[in-house]
């Protein structure tokens, strides 16, 4: 049975809120991350879950009363368990998965009258809490409030990553720059050319949205989603939500809304941990290039990843492997194939053993 957890709050003038997007599936970290417990609720880089890390980082800037989590009904109890300071009134329940455009439209429908600017941040990104993060956050919130523009965080790239989308921008000495266009995930040669040009940023999926600007933009580009703004009854809004198409906020709105966009070129350490190989960029490796977590012993092993918190694993004379042991499941593949896990995993897990 669907839960209705939001309660009415008084109207707040020029107030800012943060929304943590915590409804994703986390399929590319199988078998550690599963549909019933996605990666945002799991510890990957510390003894705290990614959700807990994100909440603590935002808590430095926002009062607890102004931080909200949007997630699936199945994860509400997990959120409440992991974040004792959060009450049910600060959880927005998505009636179904409709990607980020649906989640953000729902949040604007629920919070847009109470808050002038809303920061949206994924729950499963690794960000080093640093002065660079604090500066980027302050600049983005100020720009969104004062200029009424949807303000993105763009990470200044330091290598040609093919797993991220890119933001092309008008580069100058200003801390906030106009957006030219978005680019889908490039091949390596294109990514290298983008990085060398100095005119592109990684699209990290964090942005500050003035409520009025965001609602107007959704009305222009996502009319089905805009129907949520006209429904004051929460039950009617939930039923309308079920009919929405699955579309990302990037594709559905940001790529079509250049005039009202700005981007903050940011230098804080960031990674979306979208695959097992991403761990190599945020955690220490041994002298042979291996990332080994758990009771792992290796001999003549190179450039491999082993994640086995509760298993004993032995590696001998292998290279470029990914080994993940969790409960009664073990995944063994090569690192290169792991980047396409979403494509081949359904066939592997649903097919017959061969």
C-alpha atoms as a PDB file:
ATOM      1  CA  UNK A   1       0.000   0.000   0.000  1.00  0.00           C
ATOM      2  CA  UNK A   2       1.348   3.395  -0.975  1.00  0.00           C
ATOM      3  CA  UNK A   3       2.433   5.614   1.868  1.00  0.00           C
ATOM      4  CA  UNK A   4       1.694   9.318   2.016  1.00  0.00           C
ATOM      5  CA  UNK A   5       4.363  10.871   4.186  1.00  0.00           C
ATOM      6  CA  UNK A   6       4.470  14.526   3.241  1.00  0.00           C
ATOM      7  CA  UNK A   7       2.869  17.037   5.569  1.00  0.00           C
ATOM      8  CA  UNK A   8       1.966  20.663   4.997  1.00  0.00           C
ATOM      9  CA  UNK A   9       4.578  23.314   5.795  1.00  0.00           C
ATOM     10  CA  UNK A  10       4.113  27.028   6.057  1.00  0.00           C
ATOM     11  CA  UNK A  11       5.078  29.219   3.106  1.00  0.00           C
ATOM     12  CA  UNK A  12       8.685  30.381   3.283  1.00  0.00           C
ATOM     13  CA  UNK A  13       9.979  33.374   1.364  1.00  0.00           C
ATOM     14  CA  UNK A  14      13.463  33.154  -0.207  1.00  0.00           C
ATOM     15  CA  UNK A  15      14.075  29.791   1.476  1.00  0.00           C
ATOM     16  CA  UNK A  16      16.376  27.126   0.059  1.00  0.00           C
ATOM     17  CA  UNK A  17      15.995  23.373   0.305  1.00  0.00           C
ATOM     18  CA  UNK A  18      18.028  20.330  -0.694  1.00  0.00           C
ATOM     19  CA  UNK A  19      16.518  17.191  -2.192  1.00  0.00           C
ATOM     20  CA  UNK A  20      18.475  13.942  -2.263  1.00  0.00           C
ATOM     21  CA  UNK A  21      17.507  11.703  -5.180  1.00  0.00           C
ATOM     22  CA  UNK A  22      17.571   8.204  -3.710  1.00  0.00           C
ATOM     23  CA  UNK A  23      15.277   6.089  -5.854  1.00  0.00           C
ATOM     24  CA  UNK A  24      17.754   4.527  -8.287  1.00  0.00           C
ATOM     25  CA  UNK A  25      18.339   0.829  -8.920  1.00  0.00           C
ATOM     26  CA  UNK A  26      22.157   0.684  -8.821  1.00  0.00           C
ATOM     27  CA  UNK A  27      22.291  -2.296 -11.185  1.00  0.00           C
ATOM     28  CA  UNK A  28      25.913  -1.859 -12.262  1.00  0.00           C
ATOM     29  CA  UNK A  29      27.262  -2.811  -8.832  1.00  0.00           C
ATOM     30  CA  UNK A  30      25.748  -6.298  -8.900  1.00  0.00           C
ATOM     31  CA  UNK A  31      25.714  -8.478  -6.842  1.00  0.00           C
ATOM     32  CA  UNK A  32      26.504  -6.153  -3.919  1.00  0.00           C
ATOM     33  CA  UNK A  33      23.847  -3.686  -5.039  1.00  0.00           C
ATOM     34  CA  UNK A  34      20.463  -5.198  -5.865  1.00  0.00           C
ATOM     35  CA  UNK A  35      16.949  -4.031  -6.597  1.00  0.00           C
ATOM     36  CA  UNK A  36      15.909  -4.528  -2.984  1.00  0.00           C
ATOM     37  CA  UNK A  37      18.955  -2.645  -1.622  1.00  0.00           C
ATOM     38  CA  UNK A  38      20.557  -0.337  -4.232  1.00  0.00           C
ATOM     39  CA  UNK A  39      24.015   1.149  -3.913  1.00  0.00           C
ATOM     40  CA  UNK A  40      22.870   4.431  -2.324  1.00  0.00           C
ATOM     41  CA  UNK A  41      22.091   2.468   0.850  1.00  0.00           C
ATOM     42  CA  UNK A  42      25.410   0.589   0.934  1.00  0.00           C
ATOM     43  CA  UNK A  43      28.855   1.563   2.284  1.00  0.00           C
ATOM     44  CA  UNK A  44      31.373   1.752  -0.551  1.00  0.00           C
ATOM     45  CA  UNK A  45      34.075   4.254   0.389  1.00  0.00           C
ATOM     46  CA  UNK A  46      33.653   4.443   4.171  1.00  0.00           C
ATOM     47  CA  UNK A  47      31.687   2.802   6.960  1.00  0.00           C
ATOM     48  CA  UNK A  48      28.684   4.995   6.092  1.00  0.00           C
ATOM     49  CA  UNK A  49      26.281   4.425   3.216  1.00  0.00           C
ATOM     50  CA  UNK A  50      26.358   6.716   0.201  1.00  0.00           C
ATOM     51  CA  UNK A  51      23.037   8.209   1.358  1.00  0.00           C
ATOM     52  CA  UNK A  52      24.483   8.951   4.789  1.00  0.00           C
ATOM     53  CA  UNK A  53      27.570  10.540   3.226  1.00  0.00           C
ATOM     54  CA  UNK A  54      25.404  12.756   1.024  1.00  0.00           C
ATOM     55  CA  UNK A  55      23.121  13.802   3.883  1.00  0.00           C
ATOM     56  CA  UNK A  56      26.021  14.740   6.162  1.00  0.00           C
ATOM     57  CA  UNK A  57      27.642  16.792   3.421  1.00  0.00           C
ATOM     58  CA  UNK A  58      24.431  18.751   2.761  1.00  0.00           C
ATOM     59  CA  UNK A  59      23.740  19.133   6.457  1.00  0.00           C
ATOM     60  CA  UNK A  60      26.669  21.571   6.686  1.00  0.00           C
ATOM     61  CA  UNK A  61      24.729  24.024   4.522  1.00  0.00           C
ATOM     62  CA  UNK A  62      21.054  23.212   5.093  1.00  0.00           C
ATOM     63  CA  UNK A  63      19.090  22.835   8.341  1.00  0.00           C
ATOM     64  CA  UNK A  64      17.620  19.382   8.851  1.00  0.00           C
ATOM     65  CA  UNK A  65      14.124  20.800   8.312  1.00  0.00           C
ATOM     66  CA  UNK A  66      15.117  21.830   4.775  1.00  0.00           C
ATOM     67  CA  UNK A  67      16.555  18.528   3.545  1.00  0.00           C
ATOM     68  CA  UNK A  68      14.256  16.056   1.805  1.00  0.00           C
ATOM     69  CA  UNK A  69      14.726  12.599   0.321  1.00  0.00           C
ATOM     70  CA  UNK A  70      12.774  11.360  -2.683  1.00  0.00           C
ATOM     71  CA  UNK A  71      12.718   7.587  -3.022  1.00  0.00           C
ATOM     72  CA  UNK A  72      10.588   4.509  -3.636  1.00  0.00           C
ATOM     73  CA  UNK A  73       8.045   3.250  -1.125  1.00  0.00           C
ATOM     74  CA  UNK A  74      10.080   0.055  -0.696  1.00  0.00           C
ATOM     75  CA  UNK A  75      13.058   2.079   0.609  1.00  0.00           C
ATOM     76  CA  UNK A  76      11.294   4.346   3.106  1.00  0.00           C
ATOM     77  CA  UNK A  77      12.120   2.158   6.109  1.00  0.00           C
ATOM     78  CA  UNK A  78      15.769   1.960   5.019  1.00  0.00           C
ATOM     79  CA  UNK A  79      15.965   5.758   4.764  1.00  0.00           C
ATOM     80  CA  UNK A  80      14.465   6.191   8.212  1.00  0.00           C
ATOM     81  CA  UNK A  81      16.846   3.606   9.656  1.00  0.00           C
ATOM     82  CA  UNK A  82      19.950   5.135   8.100  1.00  0.00           C
ATOM     83  CA  UNK A  83      19.004   8.760   8.795  1.00  0.00           C
ATOM     84  CA  UNK A  84      17.586   8.956  12.341  1.00  0.00           C
ATOM     85  CA  UNK A  85      17.293  12.748  12.097  1.00  0.00           C
ATOM     86  CA  UNK A  86      14.884  12.449   9.171  1.00  0.00           C
ATOM     87  CA  UNK A  87      11.157  12.150   9.826  1.00  0.00           C
ATOM     88  CA  UNK A  88       8.506  10.811   7.503  1.00  0.00           C
ATOM     89  CA  UNK A  89       7.454  14.331   6.644  1.00  0.00           C
ATOM     90  CA  UNK A  90      10.787  14.825   4.876  1.00  0.00           C
ATOM     91  CA  UNK A  91      10.470  11.824   2.579  1.00  0.00           C
ATOM     92  CA  UNK A  92       8.748  12.156  -0.787  1.00  0.00           C
ATOM     93  CA  UNK A  93       7.563   8.821  -2.134  1.00  0.00           C
ATOM     94  CA  UNK A  94       7.615   8.201  -5.879  1.00  0.00           C
ATOM     95  CA  UNK A  95       4.613   6.038  -6.812  1.00  0.00           C
ATOM     96  CA  UNK A  96       6.813   4.326  -9.448  1.00  0.00           C
ATOM     97  CA  UNK A  97      10.188   4.775 -11.131  1.00  0.00           C
ATOM     98  CA  UNK A  98       9.843   7.438 -13.803  1.00  0.00           C
ATOM     99  CA  UNK A  99      13.495   8.560 -13.962  1.00  0.00           C
ATOM    100  CA  UNK A 100      14.794  11.919 -12.790  1.00  0.00           C
ATOM    101  CA  UNK A 101      12.301  14.114 -14.669  1.00  0.00           C
ATOM    102  CA  UNK A 102       9.446  12.475 -12.802  1.00  0.00           C
ATOM    103  CA  UNK A 103      11.181  12.721  -9.443  1.00  0.00           C
ATOM    104  CA  UNK A 104      12.059  16.388  -9.909  1.00  0.00           C
ATOM    105  CA  UNK A 105       8.594  17.346 -11.154  1.00  0.00           C
ATOM    106  CA  UNK A 106       7.095  15.624  -8.118  1.00  0.00           C
ATOM    107  CA  UNK A 107       9.427  17.528  -5.785  1.00  0.00           C
ATOM    108  CA  UNK A 108       8.600  20.864  -7.408  1.00  0.00           C
ATOM    109  CA  UNK A 109       4.897  20.087  -7.108  1.00  0.00           C
ATOM    110  CA  UNK A 110       5.316  19.274  -3.408  1.00  0.00           C
ATOM    111  CA  UNK A 111       7.886  21.894  -2.394  1.00  0.00           C
ATOM    112  CA  UNK A 112       7.736  24.646  -5.001  1.00  0.00           C
ATOM    113  CA  UNK A 113       5.348  26.826  -2.996  1.00  0.00           C
ATOM    114  CA  UNK A 114       7.437  26.556   0.160  1.00  0.00           C
ATOM    115  CA  UNK A 115      10.935  27.028  -1.262  1.00  0.00           C
ATOM    116  CA  UNK A 116      12.404  29.593  -3.608  1.00  0.00           C
ATOM    117  CA  UNK A 117      15.386  27.470  -4.693  1.00  0.00           C
ATOM    118  CA  UNK A 118      15.834  23.701  -4.510  1.00  0.00           C
ATOM    119  CA  UNK A 119      19.160  21.913  -4.825  1.00  0.00           C
ATOM    120  CA  UNK A 120      18.933  18.416  -6.310  1.00  0.00           C
ATOM    121  CA  UNK A 121      21.726  15.951  -5.578  1.00  0.00           C
ATOM    122  CA  UNK A 122      21.969  12.208  -6.299  1.00  0.00           C
ATOM    123  CA  UNK A 123      22.404  10.028  -3.225  1.00  0.00           C
ATOM    124  CA  UNK A 124      25.075   7.783  -4.725  1.00  0.00           C
ATOM    125  CA  UNK A 125      27.831  10.177  -5.786  1.00  0.00           C
ATOM    126  CA  UNK A 126      31.169  10.305  -4.034  1.00  0.00           C
ATOM    127  CA  UNK A 127      32.192  13.901  -3.329  1.00  0.00           C
ATOM    128  CA  UNK A 128      35.138  14.914  -1.208  1.00  0.00           C
ATOM    129  CA  UNK A 129      33.872  17.425   1.341  1.00  0.00           C
ATOM    130  CA  UNK A 130      36.204  20.333   0.675  1.00  0.00           C
ATOM    131  CA  UNK A 131      36.402  24.127   0.301  1.00  0.00           C
ATOM    132  CA  UNK A 132      36.006  23.628  -3.452  1.00  0.00           C
ATOM    133  CA  UNK A 133      32.666  21.903  -2.860  1.00  0.00           C
ATOM    134  CA  UNK A 134      31.551  24.627  -0.429  1.00  0.00           C
ATOM    135  CA  UNK A 135      32.451  27.354  -2.930  1.00  0.00           C
ATOM    136  CA  UNK A 136      30.641  25.702  -5.837  1.00  0.00           C
ATOM    137  CA  UNK A 137      27.543  25.123  -3.714  1.00  0.00           C
ATOM    138  CA  UNK A 138      27.420  28.743  -2.541  1.00  0.00           C
ATOM    139  CA  UNK A 139      27.890  30.108  -6.055  1.00  0.00           C
ATOM    140  CA  UNK A 140      25.219  27.829  -7.547  1.00  0.00           C
ATOM    141  CA  UNK A 141      22.612  28.655  -4.899  1.00  0.00           C
ATOM    142  CA  UNK A 142      23.291  32.384  -5.151  1.00  0.00           C
ATOM    143  CA  UNK A 143      23.067  32.314  -8.962  1.00  0.00           C
ATOM    144  CA  UNK A 144      19.826  30.347  -8.930  1.00  0.00           C
ATOM    145  CA  UNK A 145      18.269  32.767  -6.448  1.00  0.00           C
ATOM    146  CA  UNK A 146      19.488  36.051  -7.866  1.00  0.00           C
ATOM    147  CA  UNK A 147      19.413  35.324 -11.613  1.00  0.00           C
ATOM    148  CA  UNK A 148      16.501  32.821 -11.663  1.00  0.00           C
ATOM    149  CA  UNK A 149      18.526  30.425 -13.788  1.00  0.00           C
ATOM    150  CA  UNK A 150      18.784  26.657 -13.420  1.00  0.00           C
ATOM    151  CA  UNK A 151      22.393  26.371 -12.284  1.00  0.00           C
ATOM    152  CA  UNK A 152      24.364  23.205 -12.970  1.00  0.00           C
ATOM    153  CA  UNK A 153      27.560  21.912 -11.433  1.00  0.00           C
ATOM    154  CA  UNK A 154      30.071  21.025 -14.156  1.00  0.00           C
ATOM    155  CA  UNK A 155      33.190  19.143 -13.090  1.00  0.00           C
ATOM    156  CA  UNK A 156      36.400  20.287 -14.762  1.00  0.00           C
ATOM    157  CA  UNK A 157      37.610  17.030 -16.370  1.00  0.00           C
ATOM    158  CA  UNK A 158      41.140  15.737 -15.882  1.00  0.00           C
ATOM    159  CA  UNK A 159      40.982  12.699 -18.176  1.00  0.00           C
ATOM    160  CA  UNK A 160      38.880  11.570 -21.176  1.00  0.00           C
ATOM    161  CA  UNK A 161      36.047   9.726 -19.415  1.00  0.00           C
ATOM    162  CA  UNK A 162      33.627   8.011 -21.818  1.00  0.00           C
ATOM    163  CA  UNK A 163      31.044   7.129 -19.177  1.00  0.00           C
ATOM    164  CA  UNK A 164      29.872  10.699 -18.482  1.00  0.00           C
ATOM    165  CA  UNK A 165      27.882  13.232 -20.441  1.00  0.00           C
ATOM    166  CA  UNK A 166      29.573  16.564 -21.171  1.00  0.00           C
ATOM    167  CA  UNK A 167      28.449  20.185 -20.937  1.00  0.00           C
ATOM    168  CA  UNK A 168      29.837  22.582 -23.537  1.00  0.00           C
ATOM    169  CA  UNK A 169      30.072  26.082 -22.081  1.00  0.00           C
ATOM    170  CA  UNK A 170      31.213  29.610 -22.877  1.00  0.00           C
ATOM    171  CA  UNK A 171      34.436  29.733 -20.940  1.00  0.00           C
ATOM    172  CA  UNK A 172      35.524  32.970 -19.305  1.00  0.00           C
ATOM    173  CA  UNK A 173      36.902  34.120 -15.958  1.00  0.00           C
ATOM    174  CA  UNK A 174      33.486  34.246 -14.316  1.00  0.00           C
ATOM    175  CA  UNK A 175      32.594  31.665 -11.641  1.00  0.00           C
ATOM    176  CA  UNK A 176      29.315  31.085 -13.546  1.00  0.00           C
ATOM    177  CA  UNK A 177      29.165  30.567 -17.303  1.00  0.00           C
ATOM    178  CA  UNK A 178      26.466  30.172 -19.991  1.00  0.00           C
ATOM    179  CA  UNK A 179      25.712  26.670 -21.270  1.00  0.00           C
ATOM    180  CA  UNK A 180      26.112  26.090 -25.028  1.00  0.00           C
ATOM    181  CA  UNK A 181      24.808  22.516 -25.311  1.00  0.00           C
ATOM    182  CA  UNK A 182      24.869  19.036 -23.826  1.00  0.00           C
ATOM    183  CA  UNK A 183      26.735  16.112 -25.362  1.00  0.00           C
ATOM    184  CA  UNK A 184      25.991  12.427 -24.853  1.00  0.00           C
ATOM    185  CA  UNK A 185      28.642  10.019 -23.603  1.00  0.00           C
ATOM    186  CA  UNK A 186      31.435  10.242 -26.212  1.00  0.00           C
ATOM    187  CA  UNK A 187      33.863   7.680 -27.567  1.00  0.00           C
ATOM    188  CA  UNK A 188      37.428   7.933 -26.279  1.00  0.00           C
ATOM    189  CA  UNK A 189      38.789   9.962 -29.189  1.00  0.00           C
ATOM    190  CA  UNK A 190      35.978  12.502 -28.891  1.00  0.00           C
ATOM    191  CA  UNK A 191      36.341  12.660 -25.113  1.00  0.00           C
ATOM    192  CA  UNK A 192      40.060  13.324 -25.461  1.00  0.00           C
ATOM    193  CA  UNK A 193      39.381  16.154 -27.903  1.00  0.00           C
ATOM    194  CA  UNK A 194      36.798  17.636 -25.535  1.00  0.00           C
ATOM    195  CA  UNK A 195      39.132  17.582 -22.539  1.00  0.00           C
ATOM    196  CA  UNK A 196      41.987  19.150 -24.497  1.00  0.00           C
ATOM    197  CA  UNK A 197      39.772  21.971 -25.784  1.00  0.00           C
ATOM    198  CA  UNK A 198      38.999  23.268 -22.281  1.00  0.00           C
ATOM    199  CA  UNK A 199      35.408  24.060 -23.327  1.00  0.00           C
ATOM    200  CA  UNK A 200      33.696  21.040 -21.799  1.00  0.00           C
ATOM    201  CA  UNK A 201      32.726  19.929 -18.302  1.00  0.00           C
ATOM    202  CA  UNK A 202      31.498  16.629 -16.943  1.00  0.00           C
ATOM    203  CA  UNK A 203      27.767  16.693 -16.290  1.00  0.00           C
ATOM    204  CA  UNK A 204      27.560  15.481 -12.685  1.00  0.00           C
ATOM    205  CA  UNK A 205      23.777  15.675 -12.299  1.00  0.00           C
ATOM    206  CA  UNK A 206      23.727  18.190  -9.435  1.00  0.00           C
ATOM    207  CA  UNK A 207      21.829  21.446  -9.960  1.00  0.00           C
ATOM    208  CA  UNK A 208      20.050  24.276  -8.182  1.00  0.00           C
ATOM    209  CA  UNK A 209      16.610  25.084  -9.566  1.00  0.00           C
ATOM    210  CA  UNK A 210      14.611  28.244  -8.830  1.00  0.00           C
ATOM    211  CA  UNK A 211      11.135  26.835  -8.258  1.00  0.00           C
ATOM    212  CA  UNK A 212       9.362  29.256 -10.588  1.00  0.00           C
ATOM    213  CA  UNK A 213      11.914  28.759 -13.364  1.00  0.00           C
ATOM    214  CA  UNK A 214      11.837  24.986 -13.046  1.00  0.00           C
ATOM    215  CA  UNK A 215       8.040  24.803 -13.066  1.00  0.00           C
ATOM    216  CA  UNK A 216       7.843  27.089 -16.116  1.00  0.00           C
ATOM    217  CA  UNK A 217      10.471  25.030 -17.973  1.00  0.00           C
ATOM    218  CA  UNK A 218       8.661  21.769 -17.259  1.00  0.00           C
ATOM    219  CA  UNK A 219       5.435  23.299 -18.524  1.00  0.00           C
ATOM    220  CA  UNK A 220       7.203  24.203 -21.786  1.00  0.00           C
ATOM    221  CA  UNK A 221       8.989  20.932 -22.441  1.00  0.00           C
ATOM    222  CA  UNK A 222       7.285  18.215 -20.374  1.00  0.00           C
ATOM    223  CA  UNK A 223       3.526  18.920 -20.464  1.00  0.00           C
ATOM    224  CA  UNK A 224       2.624  15.502 -19.057  1.00  0.00           C
ATOM    225  CA  UNK A 225       4.853  16.145 -16.048  1.00  0.00           C
ATOM    226  CA  UNK A 226       3.452  19.661 -15.679  1.00  0.00           C
ATOM    227  CA  UNK A 227       0.044  18.153 -14.960  1.00  0.00           C
ATOM    228  CA  UNK A 228       1.358  17.381 -11.451  1.00  0.00           C
ATOM    229  CA  UNK A 229       1.430  21.123 -10.697  1.00  0.00           C
ATOM    230  CA  UNK A 230      -2.294  21.473 -11.291  1.00  0.00           C
ATOM    231  CA  UNK A 231      -3.342  18.701  -8.907  1.00  0.00           C
ATOM    232  CA  UNK A 232      -3.652  19.706  -5.276  1.00  0.00           C
ATOM    233  CA  UNK A 233      -4.932  16.324  -4.171  1.00  0.00           C
ATOM    234  CA  UNK A 234      -2.038  13.972  -3.412  1.00  0.00           C
ATOM    235  CA  UNK A 235      -3.929  10.863  -4.499  1.00  0.00           C
ATOM    236  CA  UNK A 236      -4.745  12.416  -7.874  1.00  0.00           C
ATOM    237  CA  UNK A 237      -1.115  13.475  -8.225  1.00  0.00           C
ATOM    238  CA  UNK A 238       0.039   9.913  -7.542  1.00  0.00           C
ATOM    239  CA  UNK A 239      -2.309   8.520 -10.163  1.00  0.00           C
ATOM    240  CA  UNK A 240      -1.105  11.074 -12.709  1.00  0.00           C
ATOM    241  CA  UNK A 241       2.498  10.204 -11.870  1.00  0.00           C
ATOM    242  CA  UNK A 242       1.934   6.584 -12.925  1.00  0.00           C
ATOM    243  CA  UNK A 243       1.098   7.696 -16.465  1.00  0.00           C
ATOM    244  CA  UNK A 244       4.327   9.675 -16.933  1.00  0.00           C
ATOM    245  CA  UNK A 245       6.917   8.437 -19.442  1.00  0.00           C
ATOM    246  CA  UNK A 246      10.338   7.454 -18.164  1.00  0.00           C
ATOM    247  CA  UNK A 247      12.636  10.320 -19.115  1.00  0.00           C
ATOM    248  CA  UNK A 248      15.711  11.876 -17.537  1.00  0.00           C
ATOM    249  CA  UNK A 249      15.727  15.546 -16.588  1.00  0.00           C
ATOM    250  CA  UNK A 250      18.787  15.967 -18.837  1.00  0.00           C
ATOM    251  CA  UNK A 251      17.065  14.721 -21.979  1.00  0.00           C
ATOM    252  CA  UNK A 252      13.568  15.959 -21.197  1.00  0.00           C
ATOM    253  CA  UNK A 253      14.390  19.479 -20.060  1.00  0.00           C
ATOM    254  CA  UNK A 254      18.011  20.592 -19.687  1.00  0.00           C
ATOM    255  CA  UNK A 255      19.047  19.781 -23.266  1.00  0.00           C
ATOM    256  CA  UNK A 256      16.127  21.902 -24.533  1.00  0.00           C
ATOM    257  CA  UNK A 257      16.369  24.819 -22.113  1.00  0.00           C
ATOM    258  CA  UNK A 258      19.719  26.483 -22.836  1.00  0.00           C
ATOM    259  CA  UNK A 259      18.510  30.063 -22.362  1.00  0.00           C
ATOM    260  CA  UNK A 260      17.743  29.632 -18.664  1.00  0.00           C
ATOM    261  CA  UNK A 261      20.815  27.513 -17.816  1.00  0.00           C
ATOM    262  CA  UNK A 262      24.097  28.434 -16.180  1.00  0.00           C
ATOM    263  CA  UNK A 263      26.971  26.212 -15.096  1.00  0.00           C
ATOM    264  CA  UNK A 264      29.511  26.516 -12.306  1.00  0.00           C
ATOM    265  CA  UNK A 265      32.876  25.056 -13.388  1.00  0.00           C
ATOM    266  CA  UNK A 266      33.788  23.093 -10.264  1.00  0.00           C
ATOM    267  CA  UNK A 267      37.056  21.618  -9.062  1.00  0.00           C
ATOM    268  CA  UNK A 268      35.945  19.401  -6.178  1.00  0.00           C
ATOM    269  CA  UNK A 269      36.740  15.678  -6.321  1.00  0.00           C
ATOM    270  CA  UNK A 270      33.685  13.862  -7.679  1.00  0.00           C
ATOM    271  CA  UNK A 271      32.757  10.412  -8.937  1.00  0.00           C
ATOM    272  CA  UNK A 272      29.327   8.925  -9.519  1.00  0.00           C
ATOM    273  CA  UNK A 273      30.487   5.370  -8.661  1.00  0.00           C
ATOM    274  CA  UNK A 274      28.416   4.085 -11.537  1.00  0.00           C
ATOM    275  CA  UNK A 275      30.495   0.947 -12.003  1.00  0.00           C
ATOM    276  CA  UNK A 276      32.932  -1.260 -10.131  1.00  0.00           C
ATOM    277  CA  UNK A 277      35.858   0.215 -12.040  1.00  0.00           C
ATOM    278  CA  UNK A 278      34.956   3.653 -10.652  1.00  0.00           C
ATOM    279  CA  UNK A 279      36.226   2.490  -7.255  1.00  0.00           C
ATOM    280  CA  UNK A 280      39.746   2.535  -8.653  1.00  0.00           C
ATOM    281  CA  UNK A 281      39.519   6.305  -8.942  1.00  0.00           C
ATOM    282  CA  UNK A 282      38.540   6.963  -5.331  1.00  0.00           C
ATOM    283  CA  UNK A 283      40.246   4.223  -3.304  1.00  0.00           C
ATOM    284  CA  UNK A 284      43.837   3.158  -2.884  1.00  0.00           C
ATOM    285  CA  UNK A 285      45.329   0.390  -4.980  1.00  0.00           C
ATOM    286  CA  UNK A 286      48.313  -1.803  -4.143  1.00  0.00           C
ATOM    287  CA  UNK A 287      51.688  -1.736  -5.873  1.00  0.00           C
ATOM    288  CA  UNK A 288      50.370  -4.024  -8.624  1.00  0.00           C
ATOM    289  CA  UNK A 289      47.358  -1.861  -9.408  1.00  0.00           C
ATOM    290  CA  UNK A 290      44.859  -4.063  -7.588  1.00  0.00           C
ATOM    291  CA  UNK A 291      41.947  -2.806  -5.504  1.00  0.00           C
ATOM    292  CA  UNK A 292      41.380  -5.542  -2.912  1.00  0.00           C
ATOM    293  CA  UNK A 293      38.632  -5.243  -0.300  1.00  0.00           C
ATOM    294  CA  UNK A 294      38.216  -8.037   2.214  1.00  0.00           C
ATOM    295  CA  UNK A 295      40.290 -11.101   2.996  1.00  0.00           C
ATOM    296  CA  UNK A 296      42.104 -11.238  -0.320  1.00  0.00           C
ATOM    297  CA  UNK A 297      45.534 -12.731  -1.011  1.00  0.00           C
ATOM    298  CA  UNK A 298      47.175 -12.247  -4.379  1.00  0.00           C
ATOM    299  CA  UNK A 299      50.292 -13.472  -6.157  1.00  0.00           C
ATOM    300  CA  UNK A 300      51.277 -12.322  -9.636  1.00  0.00           C
ATOM    301  CA  UNK A 301      47.909 -10.557  -9.947  1.00  0.00           C
ATOM    302  CA  UNK A 302      47.644  -7.186 -11.651  1.00  0.00           C
ATOM    303  CA  UNK A 303      45.089  -4.434 -12.247  1.00  0.00           C
ATOM    304  CA  UNK A 304      42.227  -6.403 -10.744  1.00  0.00           C
ATOM    305  CA  UNK A 305      39.311  -5.524  -8.464  1.00  0.00           C
ATOM    306  CA  UNK A 306      38.153  -7.853  -5.708  1.00  0.00           C
ATOM    307  CA  UNK A 307      35.279  -6.813  -3.450  1.00  0.00           C
ATOM    308  CA  UNK A 308      34.672  -9.552  -0.885  1.00  0.00           C
ATOM    309  CA  UNK A 309      33.829  -8.191   2.580  1.00  0.00           C
ATOM    310  CA  UNK A 310      32.962 -11.586   4.080  1.00  0.00           C
ATOM    311  CA  UNK A 311      34.754 -14.092   1.841  1.00  0.00           C
ATOM    312  CA  UNK A 312      38.307 -15.330   1.512  1.00  0.00           C
ATOM    313  CA  UNK A 313      39.609 -14.950  -2.030  1.00  0.00           C
ATOM    314  CA  UNK A 314      42.899 -16.029  -3.616  1.00  0.00           C
ATOM    315  CA  UNK A 315      44.224 -14.596  -6.885  1.00  0.00           C
ATOM    316  CA  UNK A 316      47.060 -16.153  -8.861  1.00  0.00           C
ATOM    317  CA  UNK A 317      48.557 -15.132 -12.175  1.00  0.00           C
ATOM    318  CA  UNK A 318      45.588 -13.090 -13.427  1.00  0.00           C
ATOM    319  CA  UNK A 319      45.090  -9.576 -14.751  1.00  0.00           C
ATOM    320  CA  UNK A 320      42.214  -7.172 -15.299  1.00  0.00           C
ATOM    321  CA  UNK A 321      39.650  -9.219 -13.400  1.00  0.00           C
ATOM    322  CA  UNK A 322      36.584  -8.116 -11.492  1.00  0.00           C
ATOM    323  CA  UNK A 323      35.562 -10.441  -8.657  1.00  0.00           C
ATOM    324  CA  UNK A 324      32.617  -9.573  -6.409  1.00  0.00           C
ATOM    325  CA  UNK A 325      31.458 -11.887  -3.618  1.00  0.00           C
ATOM    326  CA  UNK A 326      28.289 -11.067  -1.728  1.00  0.00           C
ATOM    327  CA  UNK A 327      26.267 -13.497   0.350  1.00  0.00           C
ATOM    328  CA  UNK A 328      25.732 -16.605  -1.820  1.00  0.00           C
ATOM    329  CA  UNK A 329      26.637 -14.969  -5.133  1.00  0.00           C
ATOM    330  CA  UNK A 330      29.977 -14.521  -6.882  1.00  0.00           C
ATOM    331  CA  UNK A 331      30.542 -12.471 -10.019  1.00  0.00           C
ATOM    332  CA  UNK A 332      33.691 -13.004 -12.097  1.00  0.00           C
ATOM    333  CA  UNK A 333      34.285 -11.033 -15.284  1.00  0.00           C
ATOM    334  CA  UNK A 334      36.912  -8.856 -16.891  1.00  0.00           C
ATOM    335  CA  UNK A 335      36.989  -5.196 -15.997  1.00  0.00           C
ATOM    336  CA  UNK A 336      36.339  -4.021 -19.535  1.00  0.00           C
ATOM    337  CA  UNK A 337      33.074  -5.984 -19.735  1.00  0.00           C
ATOM    338  CA  UNK A 338      31.857  -4.637 -16.396  1.00  0.00           C
ATOM    339  CA  UNK A 339      31.179  -1.213 -17.894  1.00  0.00           C
ATOM    340  CA  UNK A 340      28.404  -2.776 -20.007  1.00  0.00           C
ATOM    341  CA  UNK A 341      26.903  -4.797 -17.167  1.00  0.00           C
ATOM    342  CA  UNK A 342      23.419  -3.349 -17.609  1.00  0.00           C
ATOM    343  CA  UNK A 343      23.318  -4.854 -21.120  1.00  0.00           C
ATOM    344  CA  UNK A 344      24.422  -8.406 -20.383  1.00  0.00           C
ATOM    345  CA  UNK A 345      23.436  -8.905 -16.752  1.00  0.00           C
ATOM    346  CA  UNK A 346      19.685  -9.546 -17.341  1.00  0.00           C
ATOM    347  CA  UNK A 347      20.446 -12.347 -19.780  1.00  0.00           C
ATOM    348  CA  UNK A 348      23.038 -13.846 -17.441  1.00  0.00           C
ATOM    349  CA  UNK A 349      20.887 -13.770 -14.313  1.00  0.00           C
ATOM    350  CA  UNK A 350      17.629 -14.847 -15.974  1.00  0.00           C
ATOM    351  CA  UNK A 351      19.033 -17.474 -18.314  1.00  0.00           C
ATOM    352  CA  UNK A 352      19.811 -21.117 -17.694  1.00  0.00           C
ATOM    353  CA  UNK A 353      23.236 -22.174 -16.443  1.00  0.00           C
ATOM    354  CA  UNK A 354      25.548 -23.203 -19.269  1.00  0.00           C
END
